[in-house]
Amino acid sequence: MTDALTAAALLITAAGILSAVTVCAMSRRIGHALPVLLDFLSAAGLVHLAADVSWNSILVVAAVITVRKVAAIGITVTPRPQP
């Protein structure tokens, strides 16, 4: 079961990178791609946490979620340039 969860976390991470690159290419804005990437990384961290429950895994998931929240706040607070 642990190998399957580790492989699933890796696939989710790869899908997140691919999705973020696609969003960035289509919208040409990193501000739209960053939340997509961080959501996928949060999901991968939680799946990996299910495979390996340790304090290190818990801290990694907490760090990714914290970065996700700070980035979301930074994106909404940053004034957008007018076209």
C-alpha atoms as a PDB file:
ATOM      1  CA  MET A   1       0.000   0.000   0.000  1.00  0.00           C
ATOM      2  CA  THR A   2       2.842   2.376   0.794  1.00  0.00           C
ATOM      3  CA  ASP A   3       4.373   1.950  -2.662  1.00  0.00           C
ATOM      4  CA  ALA A   4       1.031   2.676  -4.318  1.00  0.00           C
ATOM      5  CA  LEU A   5       0.535   5.848  -2.261  1.00  0.00           C
ATOM      6  CA  THR A   6       4.066   7.031  -2.976  1.00  0.00           C
ATOM      7  CA  ALA A   7       3.525   6.454  -6.690  1.00  0.00           C
ATOM      8  CA  ALA A   8       0.183   8.286  -6.508  1.00  0.00           C
ATOM      9  CA  ALA A   9       1.872  11.258  -4.810  1.00  0.00           C
ATOM     10  CA  LEU A  10       4.480  11.330  -7.574  1.00  0.00           C
ATOM     11  CA  LEU A  11       1.784  11.219 -10.270  1.00  0.00           C
ATOM     12  CA  ILE A  12      -0.154  14.025  -8.576  1.00  0.00           C
ATOM     13  CA  THR A  13       3.015  16.127  -8.432  1.00  0.00           C
ATOM     14  CA  ALA A  14       3.697  15.528 -12.128  1.00  0.00           C
ATOM     15  CA  ALA A  15       0.092  16.365 -13.000  1.00  0.00           C
ATOM     16  CA  GLY A  16       0.375  19.554 -10.958  1.00  0.00           C
ATOM     17  CA  ILE A  17       3.509  20.678 -12.753  1.00  0.00           C
ATOM     18  CA  LEU A  18       1.958  19.907 -16.138  1.00  0.00           C
ATOM     19  CA  SER A  19      -1.271  21.697 -15.200  1.00  0.00           C
ATOM     20  CA  ALA A  20       0.564  24.755 -13.890  1.00  0.00           C
ATOM     21  CA  VAL A  21       2.688  24.998 -17.029  1.00  0.00           C
ATOM     22  CA  THR A  22      -0.460  24.704 -19.158  1.00  0.00           C
ATOM     23  CA  VAL A  23      -2.272  27.399 -17.172  1.00  0.00           C
ATOM     24  CA  CYS A  24       0.746  29.679 -17.366  1.00  0.00           C
ATOM     25  CA  ALA A  25       1.083  29.146 -21.115  1.00  0.00           C
ATOM     26  CA  MET A  26      -2.601  29.795 -21.744  1.00  0.00           C
ATOM     27  CA  SER A  27      -3.072  32.777 -19.439  1.00  0.00           C
ATOM     28  CA  ARG A  28       0.505  34.124 -19.618  1.00  0.00           C
ATOM     29  CA  ARG A  29       0.257  34.986 -15.917  1.00  0.00           C
ATOM     30  CA  ILE A  30       2.214  33.249 -13.195  1.00  0.00           C
ATOM     31  CA  GLY A  31      -0.381  34.457 -10.715  1.00  0.00           C
ATOM     32  CA  HIS A  32      -2.909  32.075 -12.219  1.00  0.00           C
ATOM     33  CA  ALA A  33      -0.541  29.104 -12.398  1.00  0.00           C
ATOM     34  CA  LEU A  34       0.907  29.318  -8.889  1.00  0.00           C
ATOM     35  CA  PRO A  35      -2.307  28.428  -7.006  1.00  0.00           C
ATOM     36  CA  VAL A  36      -2.862  25.474  -9.346  1.00  0.00           C
ATOM     37  CA  LEU A  37       0.630  24.140  -8.679  1.00  0.00           C
ATOM     38  CA  LEU A  38       0.383  24.646  -4.931  1.00  0.00           C
ATOM     39  CA  ASP A  39      -3.023  22.924  -4.763  1.00  0.00           C
ATOM     40  CA  PHE A  40      -1.603  19.872  -6.513  1.00  0.00           C
ATOM     41  CA  LEU A  41       1.454  19.918  -4.252  1.00  0.00           C
ATOM     42  CA  SER A  42      -0.819  20.088  -1.203  1.00  0.00           C
ATOM     43  CA  ALA A  43      -2.751  17.086  -2.481  1.00  0.00           C
ATOM     44  CA  ALA A  44       0.456  15.160  -3.172  1.00  0.00           C
ATOM     45  CA  GLY A  45       1.742  15.990   0.297  1.00  0.00           C
ATOM     46  CA  LEU A  46      -1.428  14.712   1.912  1.00  0.00           C
ATOM     47  CA  VAL A  47      -1.299  11.476  -0.095  1.00  0.00           C
ATOM     48  CA  HIS A  48       2.362  11.066   0.830  1.00  0.00           C
ATOM     49  CA  LEU A  49       1.454  11.730   4.451  1.00  0.00           C
ATOM     50  CA  ALA A  50      -0.997   8.820   4.302  1.00  0.00           C
ATOM     51  CA  ALA A  51       1.859   6.586   3.130  1.00  0.00           C
ATOM     52  CA  ASP A  52       4.411   7.747   5.693  1.00  0.00           C
ATOM     53  CA  VAL A  53       3.079   9.256   8.891  1.00  0.00           C
ATOM     54  CA  SER A  54       6.066  10.953  10.476  1.00  0.00           C
ATOM     55  CA  TRP A  55       6.813  14.361  11.881  1.00  0.00           C
ATOM     56  CA  ASN A  56       8.918  15.186   8.849  1.00  0.00           C
ATOM     57  CA  SER A  57       5.989  14.461   6.509  1.00  0.00           C
ATOM     58  CA  ILE A  58       3.623  16.479   8.672  1.00  0.00           C
ATOM     59  CA  LEU A  59       6.009  19.451   8.624  1.00  0.00           C
ATOM     60  CA  VAL A  60       6.388  19.261   4.833  1.00  0.00           C
ATOM     61  CA  VAL A  61       2.607  19.260   4.338  1.00  0.00           C
ATOM     62  CA  ALA A  62       2.198  22.129   6.802  1.00  0.00           C
ATOM     63  CA  ALA A  63       4.909  24.125   5.001  1.00  0.00           C
ATOM     64  CA  VAL A  64       3.296  23.613   1.584  1.00  0.00           C
ATOM     65  CA  ILE A  65      -0.123  24.632   2.904  1.00  0.00           C
ATOM     66  CA  THR A  66       1.399  27.702   4.585  1.00  0.00           C
ATOM     67  CA  VAL A  67       3.131  28.728   1.356  1.00  0.00           C
ATOM     68  CA  ARG A  68      -0.166  28.183  -0.488  1.00  0.00           C
ATOM     69  CA  LYS A  69      -2.045  30.468   1.900  1.00  0.00           C
ATOM     70  CA  VAL A  70       0.639  33.180   1.872  1.00  0.00           C
ATOM     71  CA  ALA A  71       0.851  33.069  -1.930  1.00  0.00           C
ATOM     72  CA  ALA A  72      -2.931  33.325  -2.228  1.00  0.00           C
ATOM     73  CA  ILE A  73      -2.937  36.369   0.043  1.00  0.00           C
ATOM     74  CA  GLY A  74      -0.041  37.905  -1.881  1.00  0.00           C
ATOM     75  CA  ILE A  75      -1.742  37.400  -5.215  1.00  0.00           C
ATOM     76  CA  THR A  76      -4.988  38.995  -4.070  1.00  0.00           C
ATOM     77  CA  VAL A  77      -3.249  41.946  -2.358  1.00  0.00           C
ATOM     78  CA  THR A  78      -0.842  42.735  -5.202  1.00  0.00           C
ATOM     79  CA  PRO A  79      -2.294  45.392  -7.504  1.00  0.00           C
ATOM     80  CA  ARG A  80      -2.728  44.122 -11.033  1.00  0.00           C
ATOM     81  CA  PRO A  81      -1.325  46.201 -13.875  1.00  0.00           C
ATOM     82  CA  GLN A  82      -3.912  47.775 -16.096  1.00  0.00           C
ATOM     83  CA  PRO A  83      -3.719  46.633 -19.734  1.00  0.00           C
END
